[in-house]
């Protein structure tokens, strides 16, 4: 194992950017008019689809969006309530 010094403030900015992009993503789903969509992590930001689902769920809960996130057969979906 080795240590590599990191700038904590820069790491926090990266995390905040992810949170903002997730919020914008959910808002764009709401504006799209679709009832149900599959969400794909094309950028490979998340380790697995469960991490993606959890992140979406937390953002939906935090921002009181009228949207439901769920998994079916290992895939992540967003649906209007």
PDB file of N, CA and C in Angstrom:
ATOM      1  N   UNK A   1       0.839  -1.181   0.000  1.00  0.00           N
ATOM      2  CA  UNK A   1       0.000   0.000   0.000  1.00  0.00           C
ATOM      3  C   UNK A   1       0.876   1.234   0.000  1.00  0.00           C
ATOM      4  N   UNK A   2       0.330   2.285  -0.595  1.00  0.00           N
ATOM      5  CA  UNK A   2       1.035   3.557  -0.600  1.00  0.00           C
ATOM      6  C   UNK A   2       0.051   4.677  -0.298  1.00  0.00           C
ATOM      7  N   UNK A   3       0.590   5.804   0.087  1.00  0.00           N
ATOM      8  CA  UNK A   3      -0.205   6.999   0.324  1.00  0.00           C
ATOM      9  C   UNK A   3       0.006   7.977  -0.819  1.00  0.00           C
ATOM     10  N   UNK A   4      -1.056   8.652  -1.183  1.00  0.00           N
ATOM     11  CA  UNK A   4      -0.962   9.709  -2.184  1.00  0.00           C
ATOM     12  C   UNK A   4      -1.767  10.882  -1.660  1.00  0.00           C
ATOM     13  N   UNK A   5      -1.099  11.984  -1.413  1.00  0.00           N
ATOM     14  CA  UNK A   5      -1.765  13.149  -0.835  1.00  0.00           C
ATOM     15  C   UNK A   5      -2.802  13.710  -1.812  1.00  0.00           C
ATOM     16  N   UNK A   6      -3.968  14.086  -1.251  1.00  0.00           N
ATOM     17  CA  UNK A   6      -5.056  14.633  -2.040  1.00  0.00           C
ATOM     18  C   UNK A   6      -5.530  15.940  -1.424  1.00  0.00           C
ATOM     19  N   UNK A   7      -6.035  16.818  -2.260  1.00  0.00           N
ATOM     20  CA  UNK A   7      -6.628  18.063  -1.789  1.00  0.00           C
ATOM     21  C   UNK A   7      -8.093  17.784  -1.462  1.00  0.00           C
ATOM     22  N   UNK A   8      -8.431  17.799  -0.201  1.00  0.00           N
ATOM     23  CA  UNK A   8      -9.778  17.445   0.255  1.00  0.00           C
ATOM     24  C   UNK A   8     -10.838  18.347  -0.365  1.00  0.00           C
ATOM     25  N   UNK A   9     -10.554  19.646  -0.474  1.00  0.00           N
ATOM     26  CA  UNK A   9     -11.533  20.571  -1.036  1.00  0.00           C
ATOM     27  C   UNK A   9     -11.850  20.234  -2.493  1.00  0.00           C
ATOM     28  N   UNK A  10     -10.857  19.809  -3.248  1.00  0.00           N
ATOM     29  CA  UNK A  10     -11.080  19.411  -4.637  1.00  0.00           C
ATOM     30  C   UNK A  10     -11.932  18.144  -4.707  1.00  0.00           C
ATOM     31  N   UNK A  11     -11.695  17.207  -3.800  1.00  0.00           N
ATOM     32  CA  UNK A  11     -12.499  15.989  -3.766  1.00  0.00           C
ATOM     33  C   UNK A  11     -13.957  16.300  -3.450  1.00  0.00           C
ATOM     34  N   UNK A  12     -14.197  17.236  -2.551  1.00  0.00           N
ATOM     35  CA  UNK A  12     -15.566  17.629  -2.208  1.00  0.00           C
ATOM     36  C   UNK A  12     -16.259  18.271  -3.400  1.00  0.00           C
ATOM     37  N   UNK A  13     -15.529  19.057  -4.193  1.00  0.00           N
ATOM     38  CA  UNK A  13     -16.111  19.688  -5.375  1.00  0.00           C
ATOM     39  C   UNK A  13     -16.558  18.630  -6.375  1.00  0.00           C
ATOM     40  N   UNK A  14     -15.761  17.591  -6.530  1.00  0.00           N
ATOM     41  CA  UNK A  14     -16.119  16.518  -7.457  1.00  0.00           C
ATOM     42  C   UNK A  14     -17.412  15.856  -7.004  1.00  0.00           C
ATOM     43  N   UNK A  15     -17.516  15.570  -5.712  1.00  0.00           N
ATOM     44  CA  UNK A  15     -18.730  14.945  -5.184  1.00  0.00           C
ATOM     45  C   UNK A  15     -19.936  15.848  -5.393  1.00  0.00           C
ATOM     46  N   UNK A  16     -19.781  17.138  -5.163  1.00  0.00           N
ATOM     47  CA  UNK A  16     -20.886  18.066  -5.349  1.00  0.00           C
ATOM     48  C   UNK A  16     -21.314  18.120  -6.810  1.00  0.00           C
ATOM     49  N   UNK A  17     -20.369  18.027  -7.734  1.00  0.00           N
ATOM     50  CA  UNK A  17     -20.712  18.028  -9.148  1.00  0.00           C
ATOM     51  C   UNK A  17     -21.556  16.806  -9.492  1.00  0.00           C
ATOM     52  N   UNK A  18     -21.213  15.640  -8.945  1.00  0.00           N
ATOM     53  CA  UNK A  18     -22.027  14.447  -9.172  1.00  0.00           C
ATOM     54  C   UNK A  18     -23.438  14.662  -8.660  1.00  0.00           C
ATOM     55  N   UNK A  19     -23.560  15.231  -7.463  1.00  0.00           N
ATOM     56  CA  UNK A  19     -24.878  15.463  -6.880  1.00  0.00           C
ATOM     57  C   UNK A  19     -25.692  16.436  -7.721  1.00  0.00           C
ATOM     58  N   UNK A  20     -25.041  17.488  -8.229  1.00  0.00           N
ATOM     59  CA  UNK A  20     -25.747  18.451  -9.073  1.00  0.00           C
ATOM     60  C   UNK A  20     -26.177  17.809 -10.381  1.00  0.00           C
ATOM     61  N   UNK A  21     -25.305  16.982 -10.958  1.00  0.00           N
ATOM     62  CA  UNK A  21     -25.648  16.365 -12.231  1.00  0.00           C
ATOM     63  C   UNK A  21     -26.797  15.365 -12.057  1.00  0.00           C
ATOM     64  N   UNK A  22     -26.836  14.663 -10.933  1.00  0.00           N
ATOM     65  CA  UNK A  22     -27.949  13.744 -10.672  1.00  0.00           C
ATOM     66  C   UNK A  22     -29.247  14.528 -10.537  1.00  0.00           C
ATOM     67  N   UNK A  23     -29.214  15.632  -9.825  1.00  0.00           N
ATOM     68  CA  UNK A  23     -30.409  16.462  -9.670  1.00  0.00           C
ATOM     69  C   UNK A  23     -30.880  16.962 -11.032  1.00  0.00           C
ATOM     70  N   UNK A  24     -29.958  17.445 -11.855  1.00  0.00           N
ATOM     71  CA  UNK A  24     -30.316  17.924 -13.192  1.00  0.00           C
ATOM     72  C   UNK A  24     -30.856  16.791 -14.051  1.00  0.00           C
ATOM     73  N   UNK A  25     -30.302  15.594 -13.893  1.00  0.00           N
ATOM     74  CA  UNK A  25     -30.760  14.436 -14.647  1.00  0.00           C
ATOM     75  C   UNK A  25     -32.208  14.106 -14.303  1.00  0.00           C
ATOM     76  N   UNK A  26     -32.533  14.101 -13.017  1.00  0.00           N
ATOM     77  CA  UNK A  26     -33.900  13.807 -12.585  1.00  0.00           C
ATOM     78  C   UNK A  26     -34.853  14.911 -13.050  1.00  0.00           C
ATOM     79  N   UNK A  27     -34.415  16.156 -12.964  1.00  0.00           N
ATOM     80  CA  UNK A  27     -35.246  17.260 -13.444  1.00  0.00           C
ATOM     81  C   UNK A  27     -35.506  17.133 -14.942  1.00  0.00           C
ATOM     82  N   UNK A  28     -34.510  16.703 -15.702  1.00  0.00           N
ATOM     83  CA  UNK A  28     -34.720  16.543 -17.143  1.00  0.00           C
ATOM     84  C   UNK A  28     -35.685  15.393 -17.423  1.00  0.00           C
ATOM     85  N   UNK A  29     -35.673  14.345 -16.591  1.00  0.00           N
ATOM     86  CA  UNK A  29     -36.653  13.272 -16.729  1.00  0.00           C
ATOM     87  C   UNK A  29     -38.057  13.798 -16.484  1.00  0.00           C
ATOM     88  N   UNK A  30     -38.228  14.613 -15.458  1.00  0.00           N
ATOM     89  CA  UNK A  30     -39.540  15.176 -15.135  1.00  0.00           C
ATOM     90  C   UNK A  30     -40.033  16.048 -16.286  1.00  0.00           C
ATOM     91  N   UNK A  31     -39.148  16.851 -16.862  1.00  0.00           N
ATOM     92  CA  UNK A  31     -39.525  17.744 -17.952  1.00  0.00           C
ATOM     93  C   UNK A  31     -39.774  16.990 -19.259  1.00  0.00           C
ATOM     94  N   UNK A  32     -39.218  15.795 -19.396  1.00  0.00           N
ATOM     95  CA  UNK A  32     -39.321  15.055 -20.655  1.00  0.00           C
ATOM     96  C   UNK A  32     -40.739  14.589 -20.964  1.00  0.00           C
ATOM     97  N   UNK A  33     -41.524  14.345 -19.926  1.00  0.00           N
ATOM     98  CA  UNK A  33     -42.874  13.866 -20.144  1.00  0.00           C
ATOM     99  C   UNK A  33     -42.984  12.348 -20.213  1.00  0.00           C
ATOM    100  N   UNK A  34     -41.856  11.640 -20.164  1.00  0.00           N
ATOM    101  CA  UNK A  34     -41.897  10.180 -20.151  1.00  0.00           C
ATOM    102  C   UNK A  34     -42.478   9.689 -18.833  1.00  0.00           C
ATOM    103  N   UNK A  35     -43.158   8.552 -18.885  1.00  0.00           N
ATOM    104  CA  UNK A  35     -43.725   7.974 -17.671  1.00  0.00           C
ATOM    105  C   UNK A  35     -42.719   7.071 -16.955  1.00  0.00           C
ATOM    106  N   UNK A  36     -41.978   6.257 -17.717  1.00  0.00           N
ATOM    107  CA  UNK A  36     -41.021   5.318 -17.136  1.00  0.00           C
ATOM    108  C   UNK A  36     -39.833   5.180 -18.074  1.00  0.00           C
ATOM    109  N   UNK A  37     -38.609   5.242 -17.527  1.00  0.00           N
ATOM    110  CA  UNK A  37     -37.395   5.120 -18.342  1.00  0.00           C
ATOM    111  C   UNK A  37     -36.381   4.211 -17.646  1.00  0.00           C
ATOM    112  N   UNK A  38     -35.528   3.587 -18.447  1.00  0.00           N
ATOM    113  CA  UNK A  38     -34.397   2.839 -17.909  1.00  0.00           C
ATOM    114  C   UNK A  38     -33.204   3.787 -17.829  1.00  0.00           C
ATOM    115  N   UNK A  39     -32.449   3.708 -16.747  1.00  0.00           N
ATOM    116  CA  UNK A  39     -31.286   4.565 -16.539  1.00  0.00           C
ATOM    117  C   UNK A  39     -30.033   3.731 -16.752  1.00  0.00           C
ATOM    118  N   UNK A  40     -29.156   4.192 -17.639  1.00  0.00           N
ATOM    119  CA  UNK A  40     -27.891   3.500 -17.896  1.00  0.00           C
ATOM    120  C   UNK A  40     -26.735   4.387 -17.486  1.00  0.00           C
ATOM    121  N   UNK A  41     -25.758   3.815 -16.818  1.00  0.00           N
ATOM    122  CA  UNK A  41     -24.553   4.531 -16.379  1.00  0.00           C
ATOM    123  C   UNK A  41     -23.492   4.395 -17.465  1.00  0.00           C
ATOM    124  N   UNK A  42     -23.622   5.173 -18.527  1.00  0.00           N
ATOM    125  CA  UNK A  42     -22.705   5.072 -19.657  1.00  0.00           C
ATOM    126  C   UNK A  42     -21.297   5.565 -19.311  1.00  0.00           C
ATOM    127  N   UNK A  43     -21.194   6.515 -18.374  1.00  0.00           N
ATOM    128  CA  UNK A  43     -19.886   7.056 -17.997  1.00  0.00           C
ATOM    129  C   UNK A  43     -19.145   6.158 -17.020  1.00  0.00           C
ATOM    130  N   UNK A  44     -19.810   5.112 -16.528  1.00  0.00           N
ATOM    131  CA  UNK A  44     -19.231   4.177 -15.543  1.00  0.00           C
ATOM    132  C   UNK A  44     -18.772   4.905 -14.287  1.00  0.00           C
ATOM    133  N   UNK A  45     -19.618   5.798 -13.797  1.00  0.00           N
ATOM    134  CA  UNK A  45     -19.313   6.554 -12.579  1.00  0.00           C
ATOM    135  C   UNK A  45     -19.511   5.686 -11.340  1.00  0.00           C
ATOM    136  N   UNK A  46     -20.510   4.803 -11.384  1.00  0.00           N
ATOM    137  CA  UNK A  46     -20.871   3.997 -10.223  1.00  0.00           C
ATOM    138  C   UNK A  46     -20.331   2.581 -10.359  1.00  0.00           C
ATOM    139  N   UNK A  47     -20.035   1.959  -9.231  1.00  0.00           N
ATOM    140  CA  UNK A  47     -19.475   0.609  -9.231  1.00  0.00           C
ATOM    141  C   UNK A  47     -20.457  -0.412  -9.782  1.00  0.00           C
ATOM    142  N   UNK A  48     -21.731  -0.225  -9.469  1.00  0.00           N
ATOM    143  CA  UNK A  48     -22.751  -1.157  -9.932  1.00  0.00           C
ATOM    144  C   UNK A  48     -24.092  -0.432  -9.966  1.00  0.00           C
ATOM    145  N   UNK A  49     -25.097  -1.111 -10.479  1.00  0.00           N
ATOM    146  CA  UNK A  49     -26.414  -0.478 -10.610  1.00  0.00           C
ATOM    147  C   UNK A  49     -27.084  -0.220  -9.263  1.00  0.00           C
ATOM    148  N   UNK A  50     -26.735  -0.989  -8.253  1.00  0.00           N
ATOM    149  CA  UNK A  50     -27.307  -0.725  -6.933  1.00  0.00           C
ATOM    150  C   UNK A  50     -26.798   0.606  -6.375  1.00  0.00           C
ATOM    151  N   UNK A  51     -25.537   0.921  -6.608  1.00  0.00           N
ATOM    152  CA  UNK A  51     -25.009   2.226  -6.186  1.00  0.00           C
ATOM    153  C   UNK A  51     -25.715   3.354  -6.930  1.00  0.00           C
ATOM    154  N   UNK A  52     -25.954   3.157  -8.213  1.00  0.00           N
ATOM    155  CA  UNK A  52     -26.683   4.142  -9.008  1.00  0.00           C
ATOM    156  C   UNK A  52     -28.092   4.332  -8.458  1.00  0.00           C
ATOM    157  N   UNK A  53     -28.781   3.246  -8.183  1.00  0.00           N
ATOM    158  CA  UNK A  53     -30.139   3.317  -7.638  1.00  0.00           C
ATOM    159  C   UNK A  53     -30.163   4.061  -6.313  1.00  0.00           C
ATOM    160  N   UNK A  54     -29.212   3.752  -5.443  1.00  0.00           N
ATOM    161  CA  UNK A  54     -29.145   4.400  -4.134  1.00  0.00           C
ATOM    162  C   UNK A  54     -28.910   5.898  -4.274  1.00  0.00           C
ATOM    163  N   UNK A  55     -28.032   6.298  -5.176  1.00  0.00           N
ATOM    164  CA  UNK A  55     -27.758   7.713  -5.399  1.00  0.00           C
ATOM    165  C   UNK A  55     -28.989   8.437  -5.925  1.00  0.00           C
ATOM    166  N   UNK A  56     -29.668   7.822  -6.887  1.00  0.00           N
ATOM    167  CA  UNK A  56     -30.895   8.418  -7.406  1.00  0.00           C
ATOM    168  C   UNK A  56     -31.956   8.535  -6.309  1.00  0.00           C
ATOM    169  N   UNK A  57     -32.111   7.475  -5.519  1.00  0.00           N
ATOM    170  CA  UNK A  57     -33.090   7.476  -4.430  1.00  0.00           C
ATOM    171  C   UNK A  57     -32.806   8.606  -3.441  1.00  0.00           C
ATOM    172  N   UNK A  58     -31.551   8.765  -3.055  1.00  0.00           N
ATOM    173  CA  UNK A  58     -31.192   9.808  -2.089  1.00  0.00           C
ATOM    174  C   UNK A  58     -31.463  11.204  -2.652  1.00  0.00           C
ATOM    175  N   UNK A  59     -31.169  11.401  -3.929  1.00  0.00           N
ATOM    176  CA  UNK A  59     -31.426  12.700  -4.544  1.00  0.00           C
ATOM    177  C   UNK A  59     -32.918  12.971  -4.645  1.00  0.00           C
ATOM    178  N   UNK A  60     -33.695  11.960  -5.013  1.00  0.00           N
ATOM    179  CA  UNK A  60     -35.151  12.114  -5.090  1.00  0.00           C
ATOM    180  C   UNK A  60     -35.728  12.473  -3.726  1.00  0.00           C
ATOM    181  N   UNK A  61     -35.281  11.781  -2.698  1.00  0.00           N
ATOM    182  CA  UNK A  61     -35.764  12.029  -1.337  1.00  0.00           C
ATOM    183  C   UNK A  61     -35.352  13.421  -0.850  1.00  0.00           C
ATOM    184  N   UNK A  62     -34.100  13.790  -1.095  1.00  0.00           N
ATOM    185  CA  UNK A  62     -33.571  15.075  -0.641  1.00  0.00           C
ATOM    186  C   UNK A  62     -34.296  16.248  -1.295  1.00  0.00           C
ATOM    187  N   UNK A  63     -34.659  16.110  -2.576  1.00  0.00           N
ATOM    188  CA  UNK A  63     -35.262  17.209  -3.321  1.00  0.00           C
ATOM    189  C   UNK A  63     -36.778  17.095  -3.455  1.00  0.00           C
ATOM    190  N   UNK A  64     -37.372  16.100  -2.801  1.00  0.00           N
ATOM    191  CA  UNK A  64     -38.825  15.899  -2.811  1.00  0.00           C
ATOM    192  C   UNK A  64     -39.406  15.830  -4.226  1.00  0.00           C
ATOM    193  N   UNK A  65     -38.716  15.098  -5.115  1.00  0.00           N
ATOM    194  CA  UNK A  65     -39.237  14.890  -6.461  1.00  0.00           C
ATOM    195  C   UNK A  65     -40.371  13.871  -6.408  1.00  0.00           C
ATOM    196  N   UNK A  66     -41.328  14.024  -7.286  1.00  0.00           N
ATOM    197  CA  UNK A  66     -42.461  13.106  -7.358  1.00  0.00           C
ATOM    198  C   UNK A  66     -42.125  11.976  -8.339  1.00  0.00           C
ATOM    199  N   UNK A  67     -41.046  11.261  -8.046  1.00  0.00           N
ATOM    200  CA  UNK A  67     -40.495  10.219  -8.912  1.00  0.00           C
ATOM    201  C   UNK A  67     -40.134   9.023  -8.043  1.00  0.00           C
ATOM    202  N   UNK A  68     -40.230   7.846  -8.616  1.00  0.00           N
ATOM    203  CA  UNK A  68     -39.834   6.617  -7.927  1.00  0.00           C
ATOM    204  C   UNK A  68     -38.688   5.971  -8.697  1.00  0.00           C
ATOM    205  N   UNK A  69     -37.688   5.467  -7.981  1.00  0.00           N
ATOM    206  CA  UNK A  69     -36.603   4.717  -8.606  1.00  0.00           C
ATOM    207  C   UNK A  69     -36.705   3.277  -8.123  1.00  0.00           C
ATOM    208  N   UNK A  70     -36.482   2.331  -9.048  1.00  0.00           N
ATOM    209  CA  UNK A  70     -36.538   0.930  -8.662  1.00  0.00           C
ATOM    210  C   UNK A  70     -35.625   0.109  -9.564  1.00  0.00           C
ATOM    211  N   UNK A  71     -35.319  -1.107  -9.093  1.00  0.00           N
ATOM    212  CA  UNK A  71     -34.508  -2.043  -9.869  1.00  0.00           C
ATOM    213  C   UNK A  71     -35.368  -3.230 -10.250  1.00  0.00           C
ATOM    214  N   UNK A  72     -35.163  -3.726 -11.467  1.00  0.00           N
ATOM    215  CA  UNK A  72     -35.839  -4.915 -11.952  1.00  0.00           C
ATOM    216  C   UNK A  72     -34.853  -5.679 -12.826  1.00  0.00           C
ATOM    217  N   UNK A  73     -34.569  -6.910 -12.444  1.00  0.00           N
ATOM    218  CA  UNK A  73     -33.603  -7.752 -13.172  1.00  0.00           C
ATOM    219  C   UNK A  73     -32.239  -7.083 -13.329  1.00  0.00           C
ATOM    220  N   UNK A  74     -31.812  -6.360 -12.287  1.00  0.00           N
ATOM    221  CA  UNK A  74     -30.492  -5.745 -12.279  1.00  0.00           C
ATOM    222  C   UNK A  74     -30.396  -4.428 -13.018  1.00  0.00           C
ATOM    223  N   UNK A  75     -31.499  -3.921 -13.543  1.00  0.00           N
ATOM    224  CA  UNK A  75     -31.496  -2.646 -14.258  1.00  0.00           C
ATOM    225  C   UNK A  75     -32.233  -1.610 -13.423  1.00  0.00           C
ATOM    226  N   UNK A  76     -31.857  -0.341 -13.615  1.00  0.00           N
ATOM    227  CA  UNK A  76     -32.414   0.756 -12.828  1.00  0.00           C
ATOM    228  C   UNK A  76     -33.428   1.519 -13.668  1.00  0.00           C
ATOM    229  N   UNK A  77     -34.566   1.848 -13.043  1.00  0.00           N
ATOM    230  CA  UNK A  77     -35.641   2.551 -13.737  1.00  0.00           C
ATOM    231  C   UNK A  77     -36.122   3.737 -12.916  1.00  0.00           C
ATOM    232  N   UNK A  78     -36.563   4.768 -13.614  1.00  0.00           N
ATOM    233  CA  UNK A  78     -37.252   5.898 -12.995  1.00  0.00           C
ATOM    234  C   UNK A  78     -38.687   5.892 -13.482  1.00  0.00           C
ATOM    235  N   UNK A  79     -39.617   6.191 -12.565  1.00  0.00           N
ATOM    236  CA  UNK A  79     -41.041   6.199 -12.902  1.00  0.00           C
ATOM    237  C   UNK A  79     -41.699   7.348 -12.172  1.00  0.00           C
ATOM    238  N   UNK A  80     -42.631   7.983 -12.860  1.00  0.00           N
ATOM    239  CA  UNK A  80     -43.408   9.027 -12.191  1.00  0.00           C
ATOM    240  C   UNK A  80     -44.359   8.407 -11.191  1.00  0.00           C
ATOM    241  N   UNK A  81     -44.640   9.108 -10.103  1.00  0.00           N
ATOM    242  CA  UNK A  81     -45.594   8.622  -9.099  1.00  0.00           C
ATOM    243  C   UNK A  81     -47.002   8.994  -9.489  1.00  0.00           C
TER     244      UNK A  81
END
